[in-house]
Amino acid sequence: MLCKGGEGQFHRKKGTTIRFEHIFTAYIEVGNPIEVGDVGDGYRRVIPILGGSFEGPLMRGKVFPGGADYQLIRRDGVTELLAHYVIETDDGTPIYVVNKGYRHGPKEIIDQIFRGEDVPRGSYYFKTSPIFEVRSGRYDFLNKMMFVGEGIRKPTEVEVAFYQVS
C-alpha cells in the first residue's frame, strides 16, 4: 500500500511488495493513420496494425495484422490510446490483447511523433494498462494478473514492453 507523504511524495507501508516482471516486448508495425476528424470530445485517428513480433523471457511470437489503435487526441493534448489486436506465441497459442493508455508530452515532441519523426526515448509519457485473453493452458496466467506497459512510438513501429505487476 502506498501512503501519501509530503506534497507529491509517496512511500510504501511496511510489509507491502509490488514488483514488475518483464513478460515480453512487442514490436508492432503500424500503417498510416486514418483521420476520422473532430468528434466532439477531441480528434479521432485510427492507426492500422500491420503485424509484428514479440519476445521476452516467458514467450515469443508474432503480432497478427488486422488490429488497430483507436486514438482520441483530447483538447488538453493527451492522446487516449485503445488498441485491439491478436498475438500468437511460437507454440501456436493465440492471445487477444486490449491495450489502453495515455501518451503526452511537450508539444514539439508530440508534433514530431504525428509527423512520423523519430523522437528521443523518454522525452514523452507513454504508459498503458493491457488486458489479455487466452484459453486455458500454459499462458492462462495472463487472464489472472495485472499488467502495465511502457511504449515508444517510432516512425513505422510501436514498441511496447509489458510487465506483470506482482
N, C-alpha and C. Protein backbone atom coordinates (compact mmCIF):
# COMPACT_ATOMS: atom_id res chain seq x y z
N MET A 1 0.84 -1.17 0.00
CA MET A 1 0.00 0.00 0.00
C MET A 1 0.89 1.24 0.00
N LEU A 2 0.52 2.22 -0.83
CA LEU A 2 1.25 3.48 -0.86
C LEU A 2 0.55 4.49 0.03
N CYS A 3 1.31 5.26 0.76
CA CYS A 3 0.76 6.29 1.65
C CYS A 3 1.31 7.64 1.22
N LYS A 4 0.47 8.65 1.30
CA LYS A 4 0.90 9.99 0.93
C LYS A 4 1.83 10.55 2.00
N GLY A 5 2.97 11.02 1.54
CA GLY A 5 3.92 11.67 2.43
C GLY A 5 3.77 13.17 2.26
N GLY A 6 4.90 13.85 2.02
CA GLY A 6 4.87 15.28 1.73
C GLY A 6 4.21 15.51 0.38
N GLU A 7 4.11 16.75 -0.04
CA GLU A 7 3.45 17.08 -1.29
C GLU A 7 4.04 16.31 -2.46
N GLY A 8 3.19 15.51 -3.13
CA GLY A 8 3.62 14.74 -4.29
C GLY A 8 4.53 13.58 -3.98
N GLN A 9 4.73 13.28 -2.70
CA GLN A 9 5.63 12.19 -2.34
C GLN A 9 4.83 11.03 -1.76
N PHE A 10 5.25 9.83 -2.09
CA PHE A 10 4.60 8.64 -1.57
C PHE A 10 5.66 7.71 -1.02
N HIS A 11 5.29 6.92 -0.06
CA HIS A 11 6.20 5.90 0.45
C HIS A 11 5.41 4.62 0.69
N ARG A 12 6.10 3.52 0.74
CA ARG A 12 5.46 2.24 0.97
C ARG A 12 5.26 2.00 2.46
N LYS A 13 4.13 1.40 2.77
CA LYS A 13 3.94 0.91 4.13
C LYS A 13 4.75 -0.35 4.29
N LYS A 14 5.23 -0.59 5.49
CA LYS A 14 5.99 -1.81 5.76
C LYS A 14 5.15 -3.04 5.42
N GLY A 15 5.82 -4.03 4.85
CA GLY A 15 5.16 -5.29 4.58
C GLY A 15 4.49 -5.39 3.21
N THR A 16 4.49 -4.31 2.44
CA THR A 16 3.88 -4.40 1.11
C THR A 16 4.97 -4.60 0.07
N THR A 17 4.64 -5.36 -0.93
CA THR A 17 5.61 -5.59 -2.01
C THR A 17 4.90 -5.51 -3.35
N ILE A 18 5.37 -4.65 -4.18
CA ILE A 18 4.92 -4.57 -5.57
C ILE A 18 6.16 -4.69 -6.43
N ARG A 19 6.11 -5.65 -7.36
CA ARG A 19 7.24 -5.86 -8.27
C ARG A 19 6.71 -5.84 -9.70
N PHE A 20 7.59 -5.52 -10.63
CA PHE A 20 7.26 -5.54 -12.04
C PHE A 20 8.19 -6.53 -12.72
N GLU A 21 7.60 -7.55 -13.34
CA GLU A 21 8.37 -8.58 -14.02
C GLU A 21 8.14 -8.46 -15.52
N HIS A 22 9.22 -8.28 -16.27
CA HIS A 22 9.11 -8.15 -17.72
C HIS A 22 8.59 -9.47 -18.31
N ILE A 23 7.50 -9.39 -19.06
CA ILE A 23 6.90 -10.57 -19.69
C ILE A 23 7.37 -10.68 -21.14
N PHE A 24 7.19 -9.59 -21.90
CA PHE A 24 7.67 -9.54 -23.28
C PHE A 24 7.63 -8.11 -23.78
N THR A 25 8.32 -7.88 -24.87
CA THR A 25 8.26 -6.60 -25.58
C THR A 25 7.71 -6.88 -26.97
N ALA A 26 6.71 -6.09 -27.37
CA ALA A 26 6.10 -6.22 -28.69
C ALA A 26 6.64 -5.14 -29.61
N TYR A 27 6.90 -5.53 -30.85
CA TYR A 27 7.36 -4.62 -31.90
C TYR A 27 6.25 -4.63 -32.95
N ILE A 28 5.40 -3.62 -32.90
CA ILE A 28 4.16 -3.60 -33.67
C ILE A 28 4.30 -2.66 -34.86
N GLU A 29 4.21 -3.22 -36.07
CA GLU A 29 4.28 -2.42 -37.29
C GLU A 29 2.93 -1.74 -37.50
N VAL A 30 2.98 -0.43 -37.78
CA VAL A 30 1.75 0.33 -37.94
C VAL A 30 1.71 1.02 -39.30
N GLY A 31 0.49 1.23 -39.80
CA GLY A 31 0.29 1.90 -41.07
C GLY A 31 -0.02 3.37 -40.87
N ASN A 32 -0.34 4.03 -41.98
CA ASN A 32 -0.70 5.44 -41.94
C ASN A 32 -2.02 5.61 -41.22
N PRO A 33 -2.16 6.69 -40.44
CA PRO A 33 -3.41 6.89 -39.70
C PRO A 33 -4.58 7.18 -40.62
N ILE A 34 -5.73 6.70 -40.21
CA ILE A 34 -7.00 7.06 -40.83
C ILE A 34 -7.54 8.21 -39.99
N GLU A 35 -7.65 9.38 -40.59
CA GLU A 35 -8.05 10.59 -39.86
C GLU A 35 -9.57 10.70 -39.88
N VAL A 36 -10.21 10.33 -38.79
CA VAL A 36 -11.67 10.44 -38.69
C VAL A 36 -12.06 11.90 -38.51
N GLY A 37 -11.30 12.64 -37.70
CA GLY A 37 -11.53 14.07 -37.52
C GLY A 37 -12.09 14.41 -36.16
N ASP A 38 -12.57 15.66 -36.04
CA ASP A 38 -13.11 16.16 -34.77
C ASP A 38 -14.43 15.46 -34.50
N VAL A 39 -14.50 14.79 -33.35
CA VAL A 39 -15.70 14.02 -33.00
C VAL A 39 -16.38 14.58 -31.74
N GLY A 40 -16.09 15.81 -31.40
CA GLY A 40 -16.72 16.45 -30.25
C GLY A 40 -15.84 16.41 -29.01
N ASP A 41 -15.40 15.22 -28.63
CA ASP A 41 -14.54 15.08 -27.44
C ASP A 41 -13.07 15.27 -27.76
N GLY A 42 -12.76 15.39 -29.04
CA GLY A 42 -11.38 15.52 -29.47
C GLY A 42 -11.26 15.08 -30.92
N TYR A 43 -10.05 14.80 -31.33
CA TYR A 43 -9.75 14.42 -32.72
C TYR A 43 -9.48 12.92 -32.76
N ARG A 44 -10.25 12.19 -33.56
CA ARG A 44 -10.14 10.73 -33.63
C ARG A 44 -9.26 10.32 -34.81
N ARG A 45 -8.32 9.39 -34.51
CA ARG A 45 -7.48 8.75 -35.53
C ARG A 45 -7.51 7.25 -35.28
N VAL A 46 -7.42 6.49 -36.35
CA VAL A 46 -7.32 5.03 -36.24
C VAL A 46 -6.02 4.62 -36.91
N ILE A 47 -5.17 3.93 -36.16
CA ILE A 47 -3.87 3.52 -36.65
C ILE A 47 -3.91 2.02 -36.93
N PRO A 48 -3.86 1.60 -38.20
CA PRO A 48 -3.90 0.17 -38.51
C PRO A 48 -2.65 -0.56 -38.01
N ILE A 49 -2.85 -1.76 -37.51
CA ILE A 49 -1.75 -2.63 -37.11
C ILE A 49 -1.49 -3.59 -38.26
N LEU A 50 -0.26 -3.58 -38.77
CA LEU A 50 0.10 -4.35 -39.96
C LEU A 50 0.74 -5.70 -39.63
N GLY A 51 1.15 -5.90 -38.39
CA GLY A 51 1.83 -7.13 -37.99
C GLY A 51 2.93 -6.81 -37.00
N GLY A 52 3.85 -7.75 -36.85
CA GLY A 52 4.97 -7.52 -35.96
C GLY A 52 5.38 -8.78 -35.23
N SER A 53 6.12 -8.58 -34.16
CA SER A 53 6.63 -9.71 -33.39
C SER A 53 6.70 -9.31 -31.92
N PHE A 54 6.89 -10.31 -31.06
CA PHE A 54 7.13 -10.04 -29.65
C PHE A 54 8.07 -11.10 -29.11
N GLU A 55 8.82 -10.72 -28.08
CA GLU A 55 9.73 -11.67 -27.45
C GLU A 55 10.04 -11.22 -26.04
N GLY A 56 10.30 -12.20 -25.21
CA GLY A 56 10.63 -11.92 -23.83
C GLY A 56 11.01 -13.19 -23.10
N PRO A 57 11.23 -13.09 -21.80
CA PRO A 57 11.69 -14.25 -21.04
C PRO A 57 10.65 -15.36 -20.93
N LEU A 58 9.35 -15.03 -21.09
CA LEU A 58 8.32 -16.05 -20.91
C LEU A 58 7.65 -16.49 -22.19
N MET A 59 7.77 -15.71 -23.25
CA MET A 59 7.08 -16.06 -24.50
C MET A 59 7.62 -15.22 -25.65
N ARG A 60 7.36 -15.73 -26.85
CA ARG A 60 7.71 -15.00 -28.07
C ARG A 60 6.74 -15.44 -29.16
N GLY A 61 6.66 -14.62 -30.21
CA GLY A 61 5.76 -14.97 -31.30
C GLY A 61 5.54 -13.82 -32.24
N LYS A 62 4.34 -13.79 -32.85
CA LYS A 62 4.06 -12.78 -33.86
C LYS A 62 2.81 -11.98 -33.49
N VAL A 63 2.72 -10.79 -34.07
CA VAL A 63 1.54 -9.94 -33.97
C VAL A 63 0.80 -10.08 -35.30
N PHE A 64 -0.47 -10.47 -35.23
CA PHE A 64 -1.26 -10.60 -36.45
C PHE A 64 -1.61 -9.23 -37.02
N PRO A 65 -1.67 -9.11 -38.35
CA PRO A 65 -2.20 -7.89 -38.95
C PRO A 65 -3.72 -7.85 -38.73
N GLY A 66 -4.29 -6.67 -38.81
CA GLY A 66 -5.74 -6.56 -38.74
C GLY A 66 -6.26 -5.83 -37.51
N GLY A 67 -5.43 -5.64 -36.51
CA GLY A 67 -5.85 -4.87 -35.34
C GLY A 67 -5.71 -3.38 -35.62
N ALA A 68 -6.00 -2.58 -34.61
CA ALA A 68 -5.86 -1.13 -34.76
C ALA A 68 -5.75 -0.47 -33.40
N ASP A 69 -5.21 0.74 -33.42
CA ASP A 69 -5.16 1.60 -32.24
C ASP A 69 -6.12 2.75 -32.50
N TYR A 70 -7.16 2.85 -31.69
CA TYR A 70 -8.19 3.88 -31.83
C TYR A 70 -7.82 5.03 -30.91
N GLN A 71 -7.27 6.07 -31.48
CA GLN A 71 -6.73 7.18 -30.69
C GLN A 71 -7.71 8.35 -30.66
N LEU A 72 -7.82 8.95 -29.47
CA LEU A 72 -8.57 10.19 -29.31
C LEU A 72 -7.60 11.23 -28.76
N ILE A 73 -7.35 12.26 -29.56
CA ILE A 73 -6.47 13.35 -29.12
C ILE A 73 -7.36 14.39 -28.45
N ARG A 74 -7.26 14.45 -27.15
CA ARG A 74 -8.11 15.33 -26.37
C ARG A 74 -7.68 16.79 -26.51
N ARG A 75 -8.56 17.67 -26.13
CA ARG A 75 -8.29 19.11 -26.24
C ARG A 75 -7.15 19.56 -25.33
N ASP A 76 -6.85 18.77 -24.28
CA ASP A 76 -5.73 19.12 -23.39
C ASP A 76 -4.40 18.58 -23.89
N GLY A 77 -4.40 17.95 -25.09
CA GLY A 77 -3.17 17.46 -25.69
C GLY A 77 -2.83 16.02 -25.38
N VAL A 78 -3.59 15.39 -24.48
CA VAL A 78 -3.35 13.99 -24.15
C VAL A 78 -3.98 13.10 -25.22
N THR A 79 -3.24 12.10 -25.68
CA THR A 79 -3.78 11.12 -26.61
C THR A 79 -4.20 9.89 -25.82
N GLU A 80 -5.50 9.57 -25.88
CA GLU A 80 -6.01 8.34 -25.29
C GLU A 80 -5.82 7.24 -26.32
N LEU A 81 -5.20 6.15 -25.90
CA LEU A 81 -4.91 5.03 -26.79
C LEU A 81 -5.80 3.85 -26.43
N LEU A 82 -6.35 3.19 -27.43
CA LEU A 82 -7.13 1.98 -27.21
C LEU A 82 -6.86 1.03 -28.37
N ALA A 83 -5.92 0.12 -28.15
CA ALA A 83 -5.51 -0.82 -29.20
C ALA A 83 -6.15 -2.19 -28.97
N HIS A 84 -6.64 -2.78 -30.05
CA HIS A 84 -7.18 -4.14 -30.04
C HIS A 84 -6.42 -4.93 -31.11
N TYR A 85 -5.84 -6.07 -30.71
CA TYR A 85 -5.13 -6.89 -31.68
C TYR A 85 -4.93 -8.29 -31.12
N VAL A 86 -4.42 -9.18 -31.96
CA VAL A 86 -4.17 -10.57 -31.57
C VAL A 86 -2.71 -10.89 -31.81
N ILE A 87 -2.11 -11.55 -30.82
CA ILE A 87 -0.75 -12.07 -30.97
C ILE A 87 -0.83 -13.59 -30.93
N GLU A 88 0.21 -14.24 -31.40
CA GLU A 88 0.27 -15.70 -31.34
C GLU A 88 1.66 -16.12 -30.90
N THR A 89 1.72 -16.97 -29.87
CA THR A 89 3.00 -17.45 -29.38
C THR A 89 3.62 -18.40 -30.39
N ASP A 90 4.92 -18.64 -30.25
CA ASP A 90 5.60 -19.52 -31.20
C ASP A 90 5.15 -20.97 -31.09
N ASP A 91 4.38 -21.32 -30.05
CA ASP A 91 3.81 -22.67 -29.97
C ASP A 91 2.35 -22.70 -30.44
N GLY A 92 1.89 -21.61 -31.08
CA GLY A 92 0.58 -21.59 -31.72
C GLY A 92 -0.58 -21.14 -30.87
N THR A 93 -0.35 -20.53 -29.73
CA THR A 93 -1.43 -20.08 -28.85
C THR A 93 -1.81 -18.63 -29.18
N PRO A 94 -3.06 -18.40 -29.64
CA PRO A 94 -3.50 -17.03 -29.89
C PRO A 94 -3.88 -16.33 -28.59
N ILE A 95 -3.56 -15.04 -28.51
CA ILE A 95 -3.87 -14.23 -27.32
C ILE A 95 -4.47 -12.91 -27.80
N TYR A 96 -5.66 -12.60 -27.31
CA TYR A 96 -6.32 -11.34 -27.63
C TYR A 96 -5.81 -10.27 -26.67
N VAL A 97 -5.46 -9.10 -27.21
CA VAL A 97 -4.89 -8.01 -26.42
C VAL A 97 -5.77 -6.76 -26.56
N VAL A 98 -6.13 -6.18 -25.43
CA VAL A 98 -6.75 -4.85 -25.39
C VAL A 98 -5.81 -4.00 -24.56
N ASN A 99 -5.26 -2.97 -25.18
CA ASN A 99 -4.24 -2.17 -24.50
C ASN A 99 -4.69 -0.71 -24.48
N LYS A 100 -5.00 -0.21 -23.29
CA LYS A 100 -5.47 1.16 -23.13
C LYS A 100 -4.38 1.98 -22.46
N GLY A 101 -4.21 3.22 -22.91
CA GLY A 101 -3.15 4.02 -22.30
C GLY A 101 -3.26 5.50 -22.62
N TYR A 102 -2.20 6.20 -22.22
CA TYR A 102 -2.09 7.64 -22.45
C TYR A 102 -0.71 7.96 -23.01
N ARG A 103 -0.70 8.93 -23.92
CA ARG A 103 0.56 9.46 -24.43
C ARG A 103 0.45 10.98 -24.44
N HIS A 104 1.47 11.64 -23.88
CA HIS A 104 1.50 13.10 -23.89
C HIS A 104 2.92 13.57 -23.61
N GLY A 105 3.15 14.83 -23.88
CA GLY A 105 4.48 15.39 -23.66
C GLY A 105 4.55 16.80 -24.19
N PRO A 106 5.76 17.34 -24.28
CA PRO A 106 5.92 18.68 -24.84
C PRO A 106 5.36 18.75 -26.26
N LYS A 107 4.70 19.85 -26.58
CA LYS A 107 4.04 20.00 -27.88
C LYS A 107 4.98 19.71 -29.04
N GLU A 108 6.21 20.20 -28.97
CA GLU A 108 7.13 19.99 -30.10
C GLU A 108 7.45 18.50 -30.29
N ILE A 109 7.53 17.74 -29.21
CA ILE A 109 7.80 16.30 -29.31
C ILE A 109 6.60 15.57 -29.90
N ILE A 110 5.40 15.90 -29.40
CA ILE A 110 4.18 15.25 -29.90
C ILE A 110 3.97 15.60 -31.37
N ASP A 111 4.24 16.84 -31.77
CA ASP A 111 4.14 17.22 -33.18
C ASP A 111 5.10 16.39 -34.04
N GLN A 112 6.30 16.13 -33.54
CA GLN A 112 7.26 15.29 -34.28
C GLN A 112 6.72 13.87 -34.44
N ILE A 113 6.12 13.33 -33.39
CA ILE A 113 5.53 11.98 -33.47
C ILE A 113 4.46 11.95 -34.55
N PHE A 114 3.57 12.96 -34.56
CA PHE A 114 2.49 13.00 -35.55
C PHE A 114 3.02 13.16 -36.97
N ARG A 115 4.17 13.77 -37.12
CA ARG A 115 4.79 13.91 -38.46
C ARG A 115 5.56 12.65 -38.86
N GLY A 116 5.61 11.66 -37.97
CA GLY A 116 6.31 10.42 -38.28
C GLY A 116 7.81 10.49 -38.07
N GLU A 117 8.26 11.41 -37.24
CA GLU A 117 9.69 11.57 -36.99
C GLU A 117 10.11 10.79 -35.76
N ASP A 118 11.37 10.42 -35.71
CA ASP A 118 11.95 9.77 -34.53
C ASP A 118 12.11 10.82 -33.43
N VAL A 119 11.79 10.45 -32.21
CA VAL A 119 11.98 11.35 -31.07
C VAL A 119 12.80 10.62 -30.00
N PRO A 120 13.49 11.37 -29.15
CA PRO A 120 14.32 10.73 -28.13
C PRO A 120 13.50 9.89 -27.15
N ARG A 121 14.03 8.74 -26.83
CA ARG A 121 13.41 7.87 -25.82
C ARG A 121 13.31 8.63 -24.51
N GLY A 122 12.16 8.55 -23.86
CA GLY A 122 11.98 9.21 -22.57
C GLY A 122 11.59 10.67 -22.65
N SER A 123 11.37 11.20 -23.86
CA SER A 123 11.04 12.62 -23.99
C SER A 123 9.54 12.89 -23.88
N TYR A 124 8.73 11.85 -23.66
CA TYR A 124 7.29 11.99 -23.52
C TYR A 124 6.77 10.81 -22.69
N TYR A 125 5.54 10.91 -22.25
CA TYR A 125 4.90 9.89 -21.43
C TYR A 125 4.10 8.97 -22.34
N PHE A 126 4.28 7.65 -22.20
CA PHE A 126 3.53 6.66 -23.00
C PHE A 126 3.42 5.40 -22.14
N LYS A 127 2.32 5.30 -21.39
CA LYS A 127 2.10 4.17 -20.50
C LYS A 127 0.74 3.54 -20.81
N THR A 128 0.65 2.23 -20.55
CA THR A 128 -0.58 1.51 -20.87
C THR A 128 -0.96 0.52 -19.77
N SER A 129 -2.20 0.06 -19.85
CA SER A 129 -2.68 -0.99 -18.95
C SER A 129 -3.40 -2.05 -19.80
N PRO A 130 -2.67 -3.08 -20.20
CA PRO A 130 -3.23 -4.10 -21.08
C PRO A 130 -4.08 -5.13 -20.33
N ILE A 131 -5.00 -5.72 -21.08
CA ILE A 131 -5.75 -6.89 -20.63
C ILE A 131 -5.55 -7.95 -21.70
N PHE A 132 -5.27 -9.17 -21.26
CA PHE A 132 -5.06 -10.29 -22.17
C PHE A 132 -6.17 -11.31 -21.98
N GLU A 133 -6.56 -11.96 -23.08
CA GLU A 133 -7.50 -13.08 -23.03
C GLU A 133 -6.86 -14.25 -23.77
N VAL A 134 -6.78 -15.39 -23.07
CA VAL A 134 -6.16 -16.58 -23.65
C VAL A 134 -6.87 -17.81 -23.09
N ARG A 135 -6.91 -18.87 -23.89
CA ARG A 135 -7.53 -20.12 -23.43
C ARG A 135 -6.72 -20.73 -22.29
N SER A 136 -7.31 -21.69 -21.61
CA SER A 136 -6.62 -22.39 -20.51
C SER A 136 -5.36 -23.05 -21.02
N GLY A 137 -4.37 -23.11 -20.16
CA GLY A 137 -3.11 -23.75 -20.52
C GLY A 137 -1.92 -22.96 -20.03
N ARG A 138 -0.85 -23.09 -20.76
CA ARG A 138 0.45 -22.53 -20.36
C ARG A 138 0.43 -21.03 -20.07
N TYR A 139 -0.39 -20.28 -20.81
CA TYR A 139 -0.38 -18.82 -20.69
C TYR A 139 -1.59 -18.25 -19.96
N ASP A 140 -2.40 -19.10 -19.31
CA ASP A 140 -3.61 -18.58 -18.70
C ASP A 140 -3.35 -17.66 -17.50
N PHE A 141 -2.10 -17.57 -17.04
CA PHE A 141 -1.77 -16.58 -16.02
C PHE A 141 -2.07 -15.16 -16.52
N LEU A 142 -2.07 -14.99 -17.85
CA LEU A 142 -2.36 -13.68 -18.43
C LEU A 142 -3.80 -13.24 -18.12
N ASN A 143 -4.70 -14.20 -17.91
CA ASN A 143 -6.10 -13.91 -17.59
C ASN A 143 -6.29 -13.49 -16.13
N LYS A 144 -5.28 -13.70 -15.30
CA LYS A 144 -5.47 -13.61 -13.85
C LYS A 144 -4.64 -12.52 -13.17
N MET A 145 -3.77 -11.88 -13.89
CA MET A 145 -2.82 -10.94 -13.28
C MET A 145 -3.02 -9.54 -13.87
N MET A 146 -2.45 -8.55 -13.19
CA MET A 146 -2.44 -7.17 -13.67
C MET A 146 -1.13 -6.92 -14.42
N PHE A 147 -1.21 -6.08 -15.43
CA PHE A 147 -0.05 -5.76 -16.26
C PHE A 147 0.00 -4.27 -16.53
N VAL A 148 1.18 -3.78 -16.80
CA VAL A 148 1.38 -2.41 -17.26
C VAL A 148 2.32 -2.46 -18.46
N GLY A 149 2.26 -1.41 -19.27
CA GLY A 149 3.14 -1.34 -20.42
C GLY A 149 3.77 0.03 -20.54
N GLU A 150 4.91 0.05 -21.19
CA GLU A 150 5.61 1.31 -21.47
C GLU A 150 5.96 1.31 -22.94
N GLY A 151 5.52 2.37 -23.65
CA GLY A 151 5.68 2.39 -25.08
C GLY A 151 6.65 3.42 -25.60
N ILE A 152 7.08 3.16 -26.83
CA ILE A 152 7.92 4.07 -27.59
C ILE A 152 7.33 4.11 -29.00
N ARG A 153 7.03 5.32 -29.50
CA ARG A 153 6.49 5.46 -30.85
C ARG A 153 7.64 5.76 -31.79
N LYS A 154 7.78 4.92 -32.81
CA LYS A 154 8.78 5.13 -33.86
C LYS A 154 8.04 5.45 -35.15
N PRO A 155 8.73 5.87 -36.20
CA PRO A 155 8.03 6.26 -37.42
C PRO A 155 7.08 5.21 -37.98
N THR A 156 7.45 3.94 -38.01
CA THR A 156 6.58 2.90 -38.59
C THR A 156 6.31 1.76 -37.62
N GLU A 157 6.61 1.98 -36.35
CA GLU A 157 6.50 0.90 -35.37
C GLU A 157 6.21 1.48 -33.99
N VAL A 158 5.50 0.69 -33.21
CA VAL A 158 5.33 0.99 -31.79
C VAL A 158 5.99 -0.15 -31.02
N GLU A 159 6.83 0.20 -30.07
CA GLU A 159 7.49 -0.79 -29.22
C GLU A 159 6.87 -0.67 -27.83
N VAL A 160 6.31 -1.77 -27.34
CA VAL A 160 5.68 -1.75 -26.02
C VAL A 160 6.26 -2.88 -25.17
N ALA A 161 6.84 -2.52 -24.04
CA ALA A 161 7.33 -3.51 -23.07
C ALA A 161 6.23 -3.75 -22.05
N PHE A 162 5.87 -5.02 -21.86
CA PHE A 162 4.80 -5.40 -20.93
C PHE A 162 5.39 -6.02 -19.67
N TYR A 163 4.84 -5.60 -18.53
CA TYR A 163 5.31 -6.06 -17.23
C TYR A 163 4.14 -6.58 -16.40
N GLN A 164 4.35 -7.72 -15.75
CA GLN A 164 3.37 -8.24 -14.80
C GLN A 164 3.57 -7.55 -13.47
N VAL A 165 2.47 -7.11 -12.86
CA VAL A 165 2.52 -6.50 -11.54
C VAL A 165 2.30 -7.62 -10.53
N SER A 166 3.29 -7.82 -9.67
CA SER A 166 3.14 -8.90 -8.68
C SER A 166 3.61 -8.44 -7.32
